[in-house]
Amino acid sequence: MAGVEQLRRKDSVNLVQLEADIATVRQGSSLASIALPDYVEHTEGVTRVGALSAEAVIRDYESAAKEIEAMGAELIGAARKCEELTAQVHDAIAYMRETAAGYREEGRKIFKRIEECALFTEDVRKTCEQVKRRMEAAGSVSSTEEDELAEQEQIAESA
């Protein structure tokens, strides 16, 4: 408060010059061209310095609020990207599940074919063994007949 009291005591403060200095710092040509936010309005009877100070403070707060809102908009954009990525992840997971199911089905088919081939091979082996036994049995009958013929020839020769 001591600084404010000293300011009031000094008659050398030129409010017009102060306003001009503030206007040159701002990008606009005058403070009147920069509108106040809708949620504030000047109180009647406030001094020019008080009004300018209040405007400066509210503009800083408004600027900060707009920055916060901009961060919110960025977060909304990031959330949308996350949702899109999540949807893509769900699609990828569904594709992986379908692929895994396809592999299982293909494995089942191959498993079944291998077992069918094994059964078929076993049937062929058994059939071959049966044919071989028949051939051997037929061959042994033939050799027995030959032996009987040979014996009969020997008997005929000896008689």
Protein backbone atom coordinates (compact mmCIF):
# COMPACT_ATOMS: atom_id res chain seq x y z
CA MET A 1 0.00 0.00 0.00
CA ALA A 2 2.91 2.31 0.53
CA GLY A 3 3.53 2.35 -3.25
CA VAL A 4 -0.07 3.32 -4.00
CA GLU A 5 -0.03 6.07 -1.36
CA GLN A 6 3.16 7.45 -2.81
CA LEU A 7 1.59 7.41 -6.27
CA ARG A 8 -1.41 9.40 -5.03
CA ARG A 9 0.80 11.90 -3.28
CA LYS A 10 2.82 12.61 -6.38
CA ASP A 11 1.21 15.13 -8.64
CA SER A 12 3.71 14.41 -11.36
CA VAL A 13 1.94 11.19 -12.51
CA ASN A 14 0.53 11.83 -15.94
CA LEU A 15 -2.37 9.44 -16.47
CA VAL A 16 -2.57 10.25 -20.16
CA GLN A 17 1.08 9.36 -20.58
CA LEU A 18 0.54 6.12 -18.58
CA GLU A 19 -2.35 5.15 -20.85
CA ALA A 20 -0.26 5.94 -23.92
CA ASP A 21 2.61 3.82 -22.58
CA ILE A 22 0.25 0.90 -21.98
CA ALA A 23 -1.25 1.34 -25.45
CA THR A 24 2.20 1.17 -27.08
CA VAL A 25 2.98 -2.06 -25.24
CA ARG A 26 -0.27 -3.59 -26.50
CA GLN A 27 -0.55 -4.48 -30.17
CA GLY A 28 -3.75 -2.48 -30.70
CA SER A 29 -3.63 1.28 -31.21
CA SER A 30 -5.64 1.98 -28.08
CA LEU A 31 -7.07 0.15 -25.14
CA ALA A 32 -10.57 1.00 -26.24
CA SER A 33 -10.15 -1.31 -29.26
CA ILE A 34 -9.53 -4.30 -26.99
CA ALA A 35 -12.88 -5.49 -25.73
CA LEU A 36 -13.35 -6.73 -22.21
CA PRO A 37 -14.66 -10.24 -21.68
CA ASP A 38 -18.46 -10.49 -21.37
CA TYR A 39 -18.35 -11.61 -17.75
CA VAL A 40 -16.93 -8.30 -16.41
CA GLU A 41 -17.81 -4.61 -16.71
CA HIS A 42 -16.42 -1.49 -15.16
CA THR A 43 -17.98 -0.16 -11.97
CA GLU A 44 -19.21 3.40 -12.11
CA GLY A 45 -16.89 5.86 -10.54
CA VAL A 46 -13.72 3.78 -10.75
CA THR A 47 -10.63 5.80 -11.50
CA ARG A 48 -8.91 5.48 -14.84
CA VAL A 49 -5.85 3.84 -13.24
CA GLY A 50 -8.07 1.36 -11.38
CA ALA A 51 -9.97 0.58 -14.58
CA LEU A 52 -6.77 0.09 -16.56
CA SER A 53 -5.27 -2.10 -13.83
CA ALA A 54 -8.43 -4.18 -13.62
CA GLU A 55 -8.50 -4.52 -17.41
CA ALA A 56 -4.86 -5.64 -17.47
CA VAL A 57 -5.48 -8.24 -14.80
CA ILE A 58 -8.69 -9.56 -16.38
CA ARG A 59 -7.01 -9.79 -19.77
CA ASP A 60 -4.18 -11.83 -18.24
CA TYR A 61 -6.72 -14.10 -16.58
CA GLU A 62 -8.72 -14.36 -19.81
CA SER A 63 -5.57 -15.14 -21.75
CA ALA A 64 -4.71 -17.88 -19.25
CA ALA A 65 -8.28 -19.21 -19.46
CA LYS A 66 -8.06 -19.35 -23.26
CA GLU A 67 -4.74 -21.21 -22.97
CA ILE A 68 -6.40 -23.68 -20.59
CA GLU A 69 -9.28 -24.13 -23.05
CA ALA A 70 -6.78 -24.63 -25.87
CA MET A 71 -5.10 -27.35 -23.79
CA GLY A 72 -8.54 -28.89 -23.33
CA ALA A 73 -9.07 -28.85 -27.09
CA GLU A 74 -5.68 -30.51 -27.55
CA LEU A 75 -6.67 -33.14 -24.99
CA ILE A 76 -9.93 -33.73 -26.84
CA GLY A 77 -7.92 -34.22 -30.04
CA ALA A 78 -5.56 -36.58 -28.25
CA ALA A 79 -8.53 -38.49 -26.84
CA ARG A 80 -9.99 -38.84 -30.35
CA LYS A 81 -6.66 -40.15 -31.60
CA CYS A 82 -6.61 -42.60 -28.69
CA GLU A 83 -10.13 -43.73 -29.55
CA GLU A 84 -9.12 -44.22 -33.18
CA LEU A 85 -6.03 -46.12 -32.09
CA THR A 86 -8.12 -48.20 -29.70
CA ALA A 87 -10.52 -49.05 -32.54
CA GLN A 88 -7.54 -50.04 -34.70
CA VAL A 89 -6.19 -52.18 -31.87
CA HIS A 90 -9.57 -53.90 -31.52
CA ASP A 91 -9.59 -54.53 -35.28
CA ALA A 92 -6.05 -55.92 -35.10
CA ILE A 93 -6.98 -58.18 -32.18
CA ALA A 94 -10.04 -59.45 -34.07
CA TYR A 95 -7.84 -60.13 -37.13
CA MET A 96 -5.32 -61.98 -34.96
CA ARG A 97 -8.08 -64.09 -33.42
CA GLU A 98 -9.45 -64.92 -36.88
CA THR A 99 -5.95 -65.80 -38.08
CA ALA A 100 -5.33 -68.00 -35.03
CA ALA A 101 -8.68 -69.75 -35.59
CA GLY A 102 -7.74 -70.30 -39.24
CA TYR A 103 -4.40 -71.78 -38.20
CA ARG A 104 -6.15 -74.09 -35.73
CA GLU A 105 -8.60 -75.23 -38.41
CA GLU A 106 -5.79 -75.83 -40.89
CA GLY A 107 -3.83 -77.72 -38.23
CA ARG A 108 -6.92 -79.85 -37.50
CA LYS A 109 -7.30 -80.68 -41.21
CA ILE A 110 -3.63 -81.62 -41.56
CA PHE A 111 -3.80 -83.66 -38.34
CA LYS A 112 -6.81 -85.55 -39.71
CA ARG A 113 -5.13 -86.13 -43.11
CA ILE A 114 -1.99 -87.48 -41.46
CA GLU A 115 -4.01 -89.90 -39.35
CA GLU A 116 -6.06 -90.96 -42.41
CA CYS A 117 -2.81 -91.56 -44.32
CA ALA A 118 -1.44 -93.54 -41.39
CA LEU A 119 -4.60 -95.71 -41.31
CA PHE A 120 -4.49 -96.14 -45.08
CA THR A 121 -0.80 -97.09 -44.91
CA GLU A 122 -1.59 -99.61 -42.18
CA ASP A 123 -4.39 -101.09 -44.34
CA VAL A 124 -1.99 -101.34 -47.31
CA ARG A 125 0.64 -103.03 -45.12
CA LYS A 126 -1.93 -105.55 -43.83
CA THR A 127 -3.21 -106.23 -47.35
CA CYS A 128 0.35 -106.76 -48.59
CA GLU A 129 1.03 -109.20 -45.74
CA GLN A 130 -2.17 -111.10 -46.55
CA VAL A 131 -1.25 -111.30 -50.26
CA LYS A 132 2.24 -112.43 -49.35
CA ARG A 133 0.85 -115.16 -47.08
CA ARG A 134 -1.52 -116.30 -49.83
CA MET A 135 1.32 -116.39 -52.30
CA GLU A 136 3.44 -118.35 -49.88
CA ALA A 137 0.56 -120.70 -49.18
CA ALA A 138 -0.07 -121.14 -52.91
CA GLY A 139 3.64 -121.70 -53.43
CA SER A 140 3.82 -124.35 -50.73
CA VAL A 141 0.85 -126.19 -52.29
CA SER A 142 2.61 -126.08 -55.61
CA SER A 143 5.82 -127.48 -54.19
CA THR A 144 3.83 -130.23 -52.41
CA GLU A 145 2.19 -131.20 -55.69
CA GLU A 146 5.62 -131.19 -57.33
CA ASP A 147 6.95 -133.39 -54.53
CA GLU A 148 4.02 -135.82 -55.02
CA LEU A 149 4.64 -135.92 -58.77
CA ALA A 150 8.30 -136.58 -58.21
CA GLU A 151 7.49 -139.41 -55.80
CA GLN A 152 5.04 -140.93 -58.27
CA GLU A 153 7.66 -140.78 -61.03
CA GLN A 154 10.18 -142.51 -58.78
CA ILE A 155 7.64 -145.24 -57.96
CA ALA A 156 6.86 -145.67 -61.63
CA GLU A 157 10.52 -145.95 -62.52
CA SER A 158 11.20 -148.46 -59.81
CA ALA A 159 8.35 -150.68 -60.87
